[in-house]
Amino acid sequence: MEGAPDRPGAWLLTTARNRAIDRIRRDRTLQRKTELLATLRPGEPEETDVIPDERLSLIFACCHPALSTEAQVALTLRTLGGLTTEEIARAFLVPEPTMAQRLVRAKQKIRNAGIPYRVPPADVLPERLDGVLGVIYLLFNEGYAATSGEQLVRTDLCAEAIRLAHTLTEWYRNEGGPEGVLRALLTVLRALDE
């Protein structure tokens, strides 16, 4: 536009209104991003080497007590175990659409509650142990009786589940849960070999 507008007062008012709207939008965007960054900042300094295995520490991080144990296990199998929604649904004996919806709700709860993905301190690990054991057990189940694919037995999943159970048993020497899961996995494995 060249020269003076036909209605300078209206032009000034429209320009001021548009700038105000832009400013409000920028402020809201900044506020949302600031809140998001606040959830991503590390809280307390993390203890190093709390958990002896990196993959196991990630499983403990995913098994947050704000979620139900079922949601912890399903979401961990999806994100860390690499299992498909179909495989997880079969493990929980529910239809695939039901499991897909449960996974979506679990992710929403994490996002809405601002739950950070970080390795928990040693004093809260026992409250996450049941979820971790569930992940290991169901990972093994998918390994020895694959939902789909050409192989009936997925030895990579079986081996990883046994490795994780063994590591957990060594770490939790006085707990019966990890040792019981390891024995169960080895018993099934022996039966497969026969």
N, C-alpha and C. Protein backbone atom coordinates (compact mmCIF):
# COMPACT_ATOMS: atom_id res chain seq x y z
N MET A 1 0.84 -1.17 0.00
CA MET A 1 0.00 0.00 0.00
C MET A 1 0.89 1.23 0.00
N GLU A 2 0.59 2.14 -0.88
CA GLU A 2 1.36 3.38 -0.96
C GLU A 2 0.49 4.55 -0.57
N GLY A 3 1.10 5.53 0.05
CA GLY A 3 0.37 6.73 0.44
C GLY A 3 -0.44 6.52 1.70
N ALA A 4 -1.24 7.52 2.02
CA ALA A 4 -2.06 7.47 3.22
C ALA A 4 -3.30 6.60 2.97
N PRO A 5 -3.72 5.84 4.01
CA PRO A 5 -4.93 5.03 3.85
C PRO A 5 -6.16 5.93 3.72
N ASP A 6 -7.22 5.38 3.13
CA ASP A 6 -8.45 6.16 2.97
C ASP A 6 -9.05 6.53 4.32
N ARG A 7 -8.96 5.63 5.27
CA ARG A 7 -9.51 5.89 6.61
C ARG A 7 -8.39 5.66 7.61
N PRO A 8 -7.59 6.65 7.89
CA PRO A 8 -6.42 6.47 8.77
C PRO A 8 -6.78 5.97 10.17
N GLY A 9 -7.87 6.44 10.74
CA GLY A 9 -8.27 6.01 12.09
C GLY A 9 -8.58 4.52 12.12
N ALA A 10 -9.32 4.05 11.12
CA ALA A 10 -9.67 2.63 11.06
C ALA A 10 -8.42 1.79 10.81
N TRP A 11 -7.53 2.30 9.97
CA TRP A 11 -6.28 1.59 9.69
C TRP A 11 -5.44 1.44 10.95
N LEU A 12 -5.31 2.52 11.73
CA LEU A 12 -4.55 2.47 12.98
C LEU A 12 -5.17 1.48 13.97
N LEU A 13 -6.50 1.52 14.07
CA LEU A 13 -7.19 0.64 14.98
C LEU A 13 -7.00 -0.83 14.59
N THR A 14 -7.11 -1.14 13.31
CA THR A 14 -6.93 -2.51 12.81
C THR A 14 -5.50 -2.98 13.04
N THR A 15 -4.54 -2.11 12.75
CA THR A 15 -3.14 -2.46 12.96
C THR A 15 -2.84 -2.71 14.43
N ALA A 16 -3.35 -1.87 15.31
CA ALA A 16 -3.13 -2.04 16.75
C ALA A 16 -3.78 -3.33 17.25
N ARG A 17 -4.99 -3.62 16.77
CA ARG A 17 -5.69 -4.84 17.17
C ARG A 17 -4.90 -6.08 16.72
N ASN A 18 -4.44 -6.09 15.48
CA ASN A 18 -3.67 -7.23 14.96
C ASN A 18 -2.37 -7.44 15.72
N ARG A 19 -1.71 -6.34 16.06
CA ARG A 19 -0.46 -6.46 16.84
C ARG A 19 -0.74 -6.99 18.24
N ALA A 20 -1.86 -6.56 18.82
CA ALA A 20 -2.22 -7.05 20.16
C ALA A 20 -2.53 -8.55 20.11
N ILE A 21 -3.24 -8.97 19.09
CA ILE A 21 -3.55 -10.40 18.95
C ILE A 21 -2.27 -11.20 18.77
N ASP A 22 -1.36 -10.71 17.94
CA ASP A 22 -0.08 -11.39 17.74
C ASP A 22 0.69 -11.48 19.04
N ARG A 23 0.68 -10.43 19.82
CA ARG A 23 1.40 -10.40 21.10
C ARG A 23 0.81 -11.42 22.07
N ILE A 24 -0.51 -11.48 22.14
CA ILE A 24 -1.18 -12.44 23.02
C ILE A 24 -0.83 -13.86 22.60
N ARG A 25 -0.85 -14.13 21.30
CA ARG A 25 -0.51 -15.47 20.80
C ARG A 25 0.93 -15.82 21.14
N ARG A 26 1.85 -14.88 20.95
CA ARG A 26 3.26 -15.14 21.29
C ARG A 26 3.43 -15.41 22.78
N ASP A 27 2.73 -14.64 23.61
CA ASP A 27 2.83 -14.84 25.06
C ASP A 27 2.29 -16.21 25.47
N ARG A 28 1.18 -16.62 24.87
CA ARG A 28 0.62 -17.94 25.19
C ARG A 28 1.56 -19.05 24.74
N THR A 29 2.13 -18.90 23.56
CA THR A 29 3.08 -19.90 23.06
C THR A 29 4.30 -19.97 23.96
N LEU A 30 4.80 -18.82 24.36
CA LEU A 30 5.95 -18.78 25.26
C LEU A 30 5.61 -19.46 26.58
N GLN A 31 4.44 -19.20 27.11
CA GLN A 31 4.04 -19.81 28.38
C GLN A 31 3.96 -21.33 28.24
N ARG A 32 3.35 -21.85 27.15
CA ARG A 32 3.26 -23.30 26.96
C ARG A 32 4.65 -23.91 26.83
N LYS A 33 5.53 -23.26 26.07
CA LYS A 33 6.87 -23.81 25.89
C LYS A 33 7.68 -23.74 27.18
N THR A 34 7.49 -22.70 27.96
CA THR A 34 8.19 -22.58 29.23
C THR A 34 7.74 -23.69 30.19
N GLU A 35 6.43 -23.96 30.22
CA GLU A 35 5.92 -25.05 31.05
C GLU A 35 6.49 -26.39 30.60
N LEU A 36 6.56 -26.59 29.30
CA LEU A 36 7.12 -27.83 28.76
C LEU A 36 8.59 -27.97 29.13
N LEU A 37 9.35 -26.89 29.01
CA LEU A 37 10.76 -26.94 29.37
C LEU A 37 10.95 -27.21 30.86
N ALA A 38 10.04 -26.68 31.67
CA ALA A 38 10.15 -26.91 33.11
C ALA A 38 10.01 -28.38 33.44
N THR A 39 9.18 -29.11 32.68
CA THR A 39 9.03 -30.54 32.94
C THR A 39 10.22 -31.32 32.42
N LEU A 40 10.96 -30.77 31.48
CA LEU A 40 12.10 -31.48 30.91
C LEU A 40 13.39 -31.25 31.67
N ARG A 41 13.43 -30.22 32.48
CA ARG A 41 14.64 -29.95 33.26
C ARG A 41 14.85 -31.04 34.29
N PRO A 42 16.08 -31.43 34.50
CA PRO A 42 16.32 -32.45 35.53
C PRO A 42 16.00 -31.89 36.90
N GLY A 43 15.35 -32.70 37.72
CA GLY A 43 15.00 -32.30 39.08
C GLY A 43 16.21 -32.43 39.97
N GLU A 44 16.16 -33.47 40.79
CA GLU A 44 17.31 -33.71 41.66
C GLU A 44 18.41 -34.35 40.85
N PRO A 45 19.64 -34.19 41.27
CA PRO A 45 20.71 -34.88 40.55
C PRO A 45 20.51 -36.38 40.63
N GLU A 46 20.69 -37.04 39.51
CA GLU A 46 20.47 -38.48 39.46
C GLU A 46 21.69 -39.21 40.01
N GLU A 47 21.38 -40.27 40.73
CA GLU A 47 22.46 -41.11 41.24
C GLU A 47 22.98 -41.93 40.07
N THR A 48 24.27 -42.01 39.97
CA THR A 48 24.82 -42.81 38.88
C THR A 48 24.98 -44.25 39.34
N ASP A 49 24.82 -45.16 38.42
CA ASP A 49 24.98 -46.58 38.69
C ASP A 49 24.05 -47.11 39.78
N VAL A 50 22.84 -46.53 39.88
CA VAL A 50 21.87 -47.05 40.83
C VAL A 50 21.44 -48.43 40.38
N ILE A 51 21.20 -48.59 39.09
CA ILE A 51 20.78 -49.85 38.52
C ILE A 51 21.93 -50.36 37.65
N PRO A 52 22.30 -51.63 37.81
CA PRO A 52 23.50 -52.14 37.15
C PRO A 52 23.40 -52.33 35.63
N ASP A 53 22.23 -52.16 35.05
CA ASP A 53 22.05 -52.42 33.63
C ASP A 53 21.28 -51.27 33.00
N GLU A 54 21.76 -50.76 31.86
CA GLU A 54 21.12 -49.59 31.25
C GLU A 54 19.69 -49.88 30.82
N ARG A 55 19.47 -51.02 30.18
CA ARG A 55 18.12 -51.35 29.73
C ARG A 55 17.18 -51.54 30.92
N LEU A 56 17.67 -52.15 31.95
CA LEU A 56 16.88 -52.34 33.16
C LEU A 56 16.54 -51.00 33.81
N SER A 57 17.48 -50.08 33.78
CA SER A 57 17.21 -48.75 34.35
C SER A 57 16.13 -48.03 33.55
N LEU A 58 16.11 -48.21 32.23
CA LEU A 58 15.05 -47.62 31.41
C LEU A 58 13.70 -48.24 31.72
N ILE A 59 13.68 -49.53 31.97
CA ILE A 59 12.43 -50.20 32.31
C ILE A 59 11.91 -49.66 33.65
N PHE A 60 12.80 -49.50 34.62
CA PHE A 60 12.39 -48.91 35.90
C PHE A 60 11.86 -47.49 35.70
N ALA A 61 12.49 -46.74 34.80
CA ALA A 61 12.03 -45.37 34.54
C ALA A 61 10.63 -45.36 33.95
N CYS A 62 10.33 -46.31 33.08
CA CYS A 62 9.01 -46.36 32.44
C CYS A 62 7.92 -46.86 33.37
N CYS A 63 8.27 -47.65 34.36
CA CYS A 63 7.27 -48.22 35.27
C CYS A 63 6.95 -47.23 36.40
N HIS A 64 6.39 -46.10 36.04
CA HIS A 64 6.09 -45.04 37.01
C HIS A 64 4.82 -45.39 37.80
N PRO A 65 4.84 -45.23 39.12
CA PRO A 65 3.69 -45.61 39.94
C PRO A 65 2.43 -44.77 39.71
N ALA A 66 2.53 -43.66 39.00
CA ALA A 66 1.33 -42.87 38.69
C ALA A 66 0.41 -43.62 37.72
N LEU A 67 0.97 -44.59 37.01
CA LEU A 67 0.19 -45.42 36.09
C LEU A 67 -0.16 -46.74 36.77
N SER A 68 -1.24 -47.34 36.33
CA SER A 68 -1.56 -48.68 36.84
C SER A 68 -0.46 -49.63 36.39
N THR A 69 -0.31 -50.74 37.10
CA THR A 69 0.73 -51.71 36.74
C THR A 69 0.52 -52.20 35.32
N GLU A 70 -0.74 -52.44 34.94
CA GLU A 70 -1.03 -52.90 33.58
C GLU A 70 -0.57 -51.87 32.54
N ALA A 71 -0.83 -50.59 32.82
CA ALA A 71 -0.41 -49.53 31.88
C ALA A 71 1.11 -49.42 31.85
N GLN A 72 1.76 -49.54 33.00
CA GLN A 72 3.23 -49.51 33.05
C GLN A 72 3.82 -50.58 32.16
N VAL A 73 3.31 -51.80 32.33
CA VAL A 73 3.85 -52.95 31.60
C VAL A 73 3.59 -52.80 30.11
N ALA A 74 2.35 -52.47 29.75
CA ALA A 74 2.00 -52.35 28.33
C ALA A 74 2.81 -51.26 27.64
N LEU A 75 2.92 -50.11 28.28
CA LEU A 75 3.65 -49.00 27.67
C LEU A 75 5.14 -49.31 27.56
N THR A 76 5.69 -49.98 28.54
CA THR A 76 7.11 -50.34 28.50
C THR A 76 7.37 -51.38 27.43
N LEU A 77 6.48 -52.35 27.30
CA LEU A 77 6.64 -53.35 26.23
C LEU A 77 6.59 -52.68 24.86
N ARG A 78 5.77 -51.66 24.73
CA ARG A 78 5.65 -50.96 23.44
C ARG A 78 6.87 -50.08 23.17
N THR A 79 7.28 -49.30 24.16
CA THR A 79 8.35 -48.33 23.92
C THR A 79 9.75 -48.94 24.00
N LEU A 80 9.98 -49.83 24.94
CA LEU A 80 11.32 -50.40 25.10
C LEU A 80 11.44 -51.83 24.57
N GLY A 81 10.36 -52.57 24.67
CA GLY A 81 10.41 -53.96 24.22
C GLY A 81 10.25 -54.11 22.72
N GLY A 82 9.73 -53.07 22.09
CA GLY A 82 9.55 -53.11 20.64
C GLY A 82 8.41 -53.99 20.19
N LEU A 83 7.54 -54.38 21.11
CA LEU A 83 6.41 -55.21 20.72
C LEU A 83 5.33 -54.36 20.07
N THR A 84 4.58 -54.98 19.19
CA THR A 84 3.48 -54.28 18.52
C THR A 84 2.27 -54.25 19.44
N THR A 85 1.32 -53.41 19.10
CA THR A 85 0.08 -53.34 19.87
C THR A 85 -0.64 -54.68 19.83
N GLU A 86 -0.60 -55.36 18.70
CA GLU A 86 -1.23 -56.67 18.57
C GLU A 86 -0.59 -57.67 19.54
N GLU A 87 0.72 -57.67 19.63
CA GLU A 87 1.43 -58.60 20.52
C GLU A 87 1.12 -58.30 21.98
N ILE A 88 1.04 -57.02 22.32
CA ILE A 88 0.74 -56.65 23.70
C ILE A 88 -0.70 -57.00 24.04
N ALA A 89 -1.61 -56.77 23.10
CA ALA A 89 -3.02 -57.11 23.32
C ALA A 89 -3.17 -58.61 23.58
N ARG A 90 -2.45 -59.40 22.82
CA ARG A 90 -2.50 -60.86 23.00
C ARG A 90 -1.97 -61.23 24.39
N ALA A 91 -0.91 -60.56 24.83
CA ALA A 91 -0.34 -60.85 26.15
C ALA A 91 -1.35 -60.54 27.27
N PHE A 92 -2.16 -59.51 27.09
CA PHE A 92 -3.13 -59.11 28.10
C PHE A 92 -4.52 -59.71 27.86
N LEU A 93 -4.63 -60.52 26.79
CA LEU A 93 -5.89 -61.18 26.46
C LEU A 93 -7.04 -60.19 26.24
N VAL A 94 -6.74 -59.11 25.51
CA VAL A 94 -7.76 -58.12 25.16
C VAL A 94 -7.70 -57.86 23.66
N PRO A 95 -8.78 -57.33 23.08
CA PRO A 95 -8.74 -57.00 21.66
C PRO A 95 -7.71 -55.90 21.37
N GLU A 96 -7.18 -55.92 20.18
CA GLU A 96 -6.15 -54.95 19.80
C GLU A 96 -6.63 -53.50 19.94
N PRO A 97 -7.86 -53.14 19.49
CA PRO A 97 -8.31 -51.75 19.66
C PRO A 97 -8.36 -51.32 21.12
N THR A 98 -8.71 -52.25 22.00
CA THR A 98 -8.75 -51.94 23.43
C THR A 98 -7.36 -51.60 23.94
N MET A 99 -6.37 -52.41 23.54
CA MET A 99 -5.00 -52.17 23.99
C MET A 99 -4.48 -50.87 23.39
N ALA A 100 -4.81 -50.60 22.13
CA ALA A 100 -4.36 -49.35 21.50
C ALA A 100 -4.89 -48.15 22.28
N GLN A 101 -6.15 -48.22 22.70
CA GLN A 101 -6.74 -47.12 23.46
C GLN A 101 -6.08 -46.99 24.83
N ARG A 102 -5.76 -48.11 25.46
CA ARG A 102 -5.09 -48.06 26.76
C ARG A 102 -3.70 -47.42 26.65
N LEU A 103 -3.01 -47.74 25.58
CA LEU A 103 -1.68 -47.14 25.37
C LEU A 103 -1.80 -45.64 25.15
N VAL A 104 -2.80 -45.22 24.39
CA VAL A 104 -3.01 -43.78 24.15
C VAL A 104 -3.33 -43.08 25.47
N ARG A 105 -4.21 -43.68 26.27
CA ARG A 105 -4.56 -43.06 27.55
C ARG A 105 -3.35 -42.97 28.49
N ALA A 106 -2.51 -44.00 28.49
CA ALA A 106 -1.32 -43.98 29.35
C ALA A 106 -0.36 -42.87 28.92
N LYS A 107 -0.18 -42.72 27.61
CA LYS A 107 0.70 -41.64 27.12
C LYS A 107 0.12 -40.28 27.46
N GLN A 108 -1.21 -40.13 27.34
CA GLN A 108 -1.84 -38.86 27.69
C GLN A 108 -1.67 -38.55 29.16
N LYS A 109 -1.81 -39.56 29.99
CA LYS A 109 -1.65 -39.34 31.43
C LYS A 109 -0.24 -38.88 31.75
N ILE A 110 0.74 -39.49 31.11
CA ILE A 110 2.13 -39.08 31.32
C ILE A 110 2.33 -37.64 30.89
N ARG A 111 1.81 -37.30 29.72
CA ARG A 111 1.98 -35.94 29.20
C ARG A 111 1.24 -34.92 30.07
N ASN A 112 -0.02 -35.21 30.42
CA ASN A 112 -0.82 -34.26 31.19
C ASN A 112 -0.29 -34.07 32.61
N ALA A 113 0.22 -35.14 33.19
CA ALA A 113 0.75 -35.05 34.56
C ALA A 113 2.19 -34.54 34.58
N GLY A 114 2.82 -34.42 33.42
CA GLY A 114 4.20 -33.96 33.36
C GLY A 114 5.17 -34.94 33.99
N ILE A 115 4.89 -36.23 33.85
CA ILE A 115 5.75 -37.25 34.44
C ILE A 115 7.04 -37.33 33.63
N PRO A 116 8.18 -37.07 34.25
CA PRO A 116 9.44 -37.13 33.52
C PRO A 116 9.94 -38.56 33.37
N TYR A 117 10.59 -38.83 32.25
CA TYR A 117 11.24 -40.13 32.06
C TYR A 117 12.65 -40.01 32.59
N ARG A 118 12.85 -40.46 33.81
CA ARG A 118 14.20 -40.47 34.36
C ARG A 118 14.34 -41.65 35.31
N VAL A 119 15.54 -42.08 35.46
CA VAL A 119 15.81 -43.22 36.33
C VAL A 119 15.51 -42.80 37.76
N PRO A 120 14.66 -43.57 38.44
CA PRO A 120 14.29 -43.17 39.80
C PRO A 120 15.42 -43.43 40.80
N PRO A 121 15.40 -42.71 41.90
CA PRO A 121 16.40 -42.98 42.95
C PRO A 121 16.16 -44.35 43.58
N ALA A 122 17.16 -44.87 44.22
CA ALA A 122 17.13 -46.23 44.75
C ALA A 122 16.00 -46.46 45.75
N ASP A 123 15.61 -45.45 46.51
CA ASP A 123 14.59 -45.66 47.55
C ASP A 123 13.18 -45.89 46.99
N VAL A 124 12.92 -45.56 45.73
CA VAL A 124 11.59 -45.79 45.16
C VAL A 124 11.56 -46.97 44.18
N LEU A 125 12.67 -47.63 44.00
CA LEU A 125 12.70 -48.77 43.08
C LEU A 125 11.79 -49.92 43.52
N PRO A 126 11.72 -50.26 44.81
CA PRO A 126 10.86 -51.39 45.19
C PRO A 126 9.40 -51.23 44.77
N GLU A 127 8.87 -50.01 44.76
CA GLU A 127 7.47 -49.83 44.37
C GLU A 127 7.25 -50.02 42.86
N ARG A 128 8.32 -50.08 42.11
CA ARG A 128 8.24 -50.29 40.66
C ARG A 128 8.58 -51.72 40.25
N LEU A 129 8.99 -52.53 41.20
CA LEU A 129 9.49 -53.86 40.91
C LEU A 129 8.44 -54.76 40.25
N ASP A 130 7.19 -54.71 40.71
CA ASP A 130 6.15 -55.56 40.13
C ASP A 130 5.97 -55.27 38.64
N GLY A 131 5.97 -54.00 38.28
CA GLY A 131 5.84 -53.64 36.87
C GLY A 131 7.02 -54.14 36.05
N VAL A 132 8.21 -54.00 36.59
CA VAL A 132 9.43 -54.46 35.90
C VAL A 132 9.39 -55.97 35.69
N LEU A 133 8.97 -56.69 36.71
CA LEU A 133 8.87 -58.15 36.59
C LEU A 133 7.81 -58.54 35.55
N GLY A 134 6.72 -57.79 35.51
CA GLY A 134 5.69 -58.05 34.50
C GLY A 134 6.21 -57.84 33.09
N VAL A 135 7.01 -56.80 32.91
CA VAL A 135 7.61 -56.52 31.59
C VAL A 135 8.50 -57.69 31.18
N ILE A 136 9.36 -58.12 32.07
CA ILE A 136 10.30 -59.21 31.76
C ILE A 136 9.53 -60.49 31.42
N TYR A 137 8.55 -60.82 32.24
CA TYR A 137 7.79 -62.05 32.03
C TYR A 137 7.05 -62.03 30.69
N LEU A 138 6.37 -60.92 30.38
CA LEU A 138 5.61 -60.86 29.12
C LEU A 138 6.52 -60.74 27.91
N LEU A 139 7.68 -60.14 28.07
CA LEU A 139 8.65 -60.11 26.99
C LEU A 139 9.09 -61.55 26.65
N PHE A 140 9.33 -62.33 27.69
CA PHE A 140 9.69 -63.73 27.48
C PHE A 140 8.53 -64.50 26.84
N ASN A 141 7.30 -64.26 27.32
CA ASN A 141 6.13 -64.96 26.75
C ASN A 141 6.03 -64.73 25.25
N GLU A 142 6.22 -63.50 24.81
CA GLU A 142 6.17 -63.22 23.37
C GLU A 142 7.33 -63.90 22.66
N GLY A 143 8.43 -64.07 23.35
CA GLY A 143 9.57 -64.74 22.75
C GLY A 143 9.34 -66.23 22.53
N TYR A 144 8.77 -66.90 23.53
CA TYR A 144 8.64 -68.35 23.37
C TYR A 144 7.37 -68.76 22.63
N ALA A 145 6.42 -67.84 22.47
CA ALA A 145 5.20 -68.14 21.69
C ALA A 145 4.84 -66.90 20.89
N ALA A 146 5.56 -66.65 19.81
CA ALA A 146 5.41 -65.43 19.03
C ALA A 146 3.99 -65.29 18.47
N THR A 147 3.48 -64.08 18.51
CA THR A 147 2.16 -63.79 18.00
C THR A 147 2.09 -63.94 16.49
N SER A 148 3.13 -63.47 15.83
CA SER A 148 3.15 -63.52 14.36
C SER A 148 4.58 -63.69 13.88
N GLY A 149 4.71 -63.84 12.59
CA GLY A 149 6.03 -64.00 12.01
C GLY A 149 6.31 -65.44 11.65
N GLU A 150 7.43 -65.65 11.01
CA GLU A 150 7.79 -66.98 10.56
C GLU A 150 8.31 -67.87 11.68
N GLN A 151 8.89 -67.27 12.70
CA GLN A 151 9.47 -68.05 13.79
C GLN A 151 8.45 -68.24 14.91
N LEU A 152 8.29 -69.46 15.35
CA LEU A 152 7.41 -69.71 16.48
C LEU A 152 8.06 -69.22 17.78
N VAL A 153 9.37 -69.40 17.88
CA VAL A 153 10.12 -68.95 19.05
C VAL A 153 11.07 -67.84 18.63
N ARG A 154 10.98 -66.72 19.31
CA ARG A 154 11.89 -65.60 19.05
C ARG A 154 12.98 -65.63 20.12
N THR A 155 14.08 -66.25 19.77
CA THR A 155 15.14 -66.46 20.75
C THR A 155 15.74 -65.16 21.27
N ASP A 156 15.72 -64.10 20.46
CA ASP A 156 16.27 -62.82 20.91
C ASP A 156 15.48 -62.28 22.10
N LEU A 157 14.15 -62.38 22.05
CA LEU A 157 13.34 -61.90 23.17
C LEU A 157 13.51 -62.79 24.40
N CYS A 158 13.56 -64.09 24.18
CA CYS A 158 13.77 -65.01 25.30
C CYS A 158 15.11 -64.73 25.99
N ALA A 159 16.14 -64.59 25.20
CA ALA A 159 17.48 -64.35 25.76
C ALA A 159 17.53 -63.02 26.51
N GLU A 160 16.91 -61.98 25.96
CA GLU A 160 16.92 -60.67 26.63
C GLU A 160 16.15 -60.73 27.94
N ALA A 161 15.00 -61.39 27.94
CA ALA A 161 14.21 -61.49 29.16
C ALA A 161 14.97 -62.27 30.24
N ILE A 162 15.62 -63.35 29.85
CA ILE A 162 16.40 -64.13 30.82
C ILE A 162 17.59 -63.32 31.34
N ARG A 163 18.24 -62.59 30.45
CA ARG A 163 19.36 -61.75 30.87
C ARG A 163 18.90 -60.70 31.89
N LEU A 164 17.77 -60.04 31.59
CA LEU A 164 17.25 -59.02 32.50
C LEU A 164 16.83 -59.64 33.84
N ALA A 165 16.18 -60.79 33.78
CA ALA A 165 15.76 -61.46 35.02
C ALA A 165 16.98 -61.88 35.85
N HIS A 166 18.01 -62.38 35.17
CA HIS A 166 19.24 -62.79 35.87
C HIS A 166 19.90 -61.57 36.53
N THR A 167 20.00 -60.48 35.80
CA THR A 167 20.59 -59.25 36.35
C THR A 167 19.81 -58.77 37.56
N LEU A 168 18.48 -58.79 37.44
CA LEU A 168 17.62 -58.35 38.54
C LEU A 168 17.76 -59.27 39.75
N THR A 169 17.88 -60.56 39.51
CA THR A 169 18.04 -61.52 40.60
C THR A 169 19.37 -61.30 41.33
N GLU A 170 20.42 -61.05 40.57
CA GLU A 170 21.73 -60.77 41.19
C GLU A 170 21.68 -59.49 42.01
N TRP A 171 20.93 -58.53 41.53
CA TRP A 171 20.87 -57.23 42.19
C TRP A 171 19.96 -57.28 43.41
N TYR A 172 18.85 -57.99 43.31
CA TYR A 172 17.91 -58.15 44.41
C TYR A 172 18.06 -59.55 45.01
N ARG A 173 19.16 -59.81 45.64
CA ARG A 173 19.46 -61.16 46.15
C ARG A 173 18.46 -61.62 47.21
N ASN A 174 17.94 -60.73 48.00
CA ASN A 174 17.06 -61.12 49.11
C ASN A 174 15.57 -61.03 48.77
N GLU A 175 15.25 -60.76 47.53
CA GLU A 175 13.85 -60.66 47.10
C GLU A 175 13.46 -61.93 46.38
N GLY A 176 12.26 -62.44 46.67
CA GLY A 176 11.80 -63.65 46.02
C GLY A 176 11.25 -63.43 44.62
N GLY A 177 10.70 -62.24 44.35
CA GLY A 177 10.06 -61.97 43.06
C GLY A 177 10.97 -62.16 41.86
N PRO A 178 12.11 -61.48 41.81
CA PRO A 178 12.99 -61.66 40.66
C PRO A 178 13.47 -63.10 40.49
N GLU A 179 13.80 -63.75 41.59
CA GLU A 179 14.28 -65.13 41.49
C GLU A 179 13.16 -66.05 41.01
N GLY A 180 11.93 -65.80 41.45
CA GLY A 180 10.80 -66.61 41.01
C GLY A 180 10.54 -66.45 39.52
N VAL A 181 10.64 -65.23 39.02
CA VAL A 181 10.44 -65.00 37.58
C VAL A 181 11.55 -65.68 36.79
N LEU A 182 12.79 -65.55 37.25
CA LEU A 182 13.90 -66.20 36.54
C LEU A 182 13.71 -67.72 36.51
N ARG A 183 13.32 -68.31 37.62
CA ARG A 183 13.09 -69.76 37.64
C ARG A 183 11.97 -70.16 36.68
N ALA A 184 10.90 -69.37 36.65
CA ALA A 184 9.78 -69.66 35.75
C ALA A 184 10.24 -69.62 34.29
N LEU A 185 11.03 -68.61 33.95
CA LEU A 185 11.50 -68.49 32.57
C LEU A 185 12.40 -69.66 32.20
N LEU A 186 13.29 -70.01 33.10
CA LEU A 186 14.20 -71.12 32.81
C LEU A 186 13.47 -72.46 32.73
N THR A 187 12.42 -72.63 33.52
CA THR A 187 11.63 -73.85 33.46
C THR A 187 10.94 -73.99 32.11
N VAL A 188 10.37 -72.89 31.62
CA VAL A 188 9.72 -72.90 30.31
C VAL A 188 10.75 -73.17 29.22
N LEU A 189 11.90 -72.56 29.35
CA LEU A 189 12.96 -72.76 28.35
C LEU A 189 13.41 -74.21 28.31
N ARG A 190 13.56 -74.83 29.47
CA ARG A 190 13.94 -76.25 29.51
C ARG A 190 12.88 -77.12 28.84
N ALA A 191 11.61 -76.78 29.08
CA ALA A 191 10.52 -77.54 28.47
C ALA A 191 10.53 -77.43 26.97
N LEU A 192 10.94 -76.27 26.46
CA LEU A 192 11.04 -76.09 25.01
C LEU A 192 12.14 -76.94 24.41
N ASP A 193 13.23 -77.12 25.16
CA ASP A 193 14.35 -77.89 24.67
C ASP A 193 14.06 -79.39 24.61
N GLU A 194 13.11 -79.83 25.40
CA GLU A 194 12.81 -81.28 25.46
C GLU A 194 12.00 -81.74 24.28
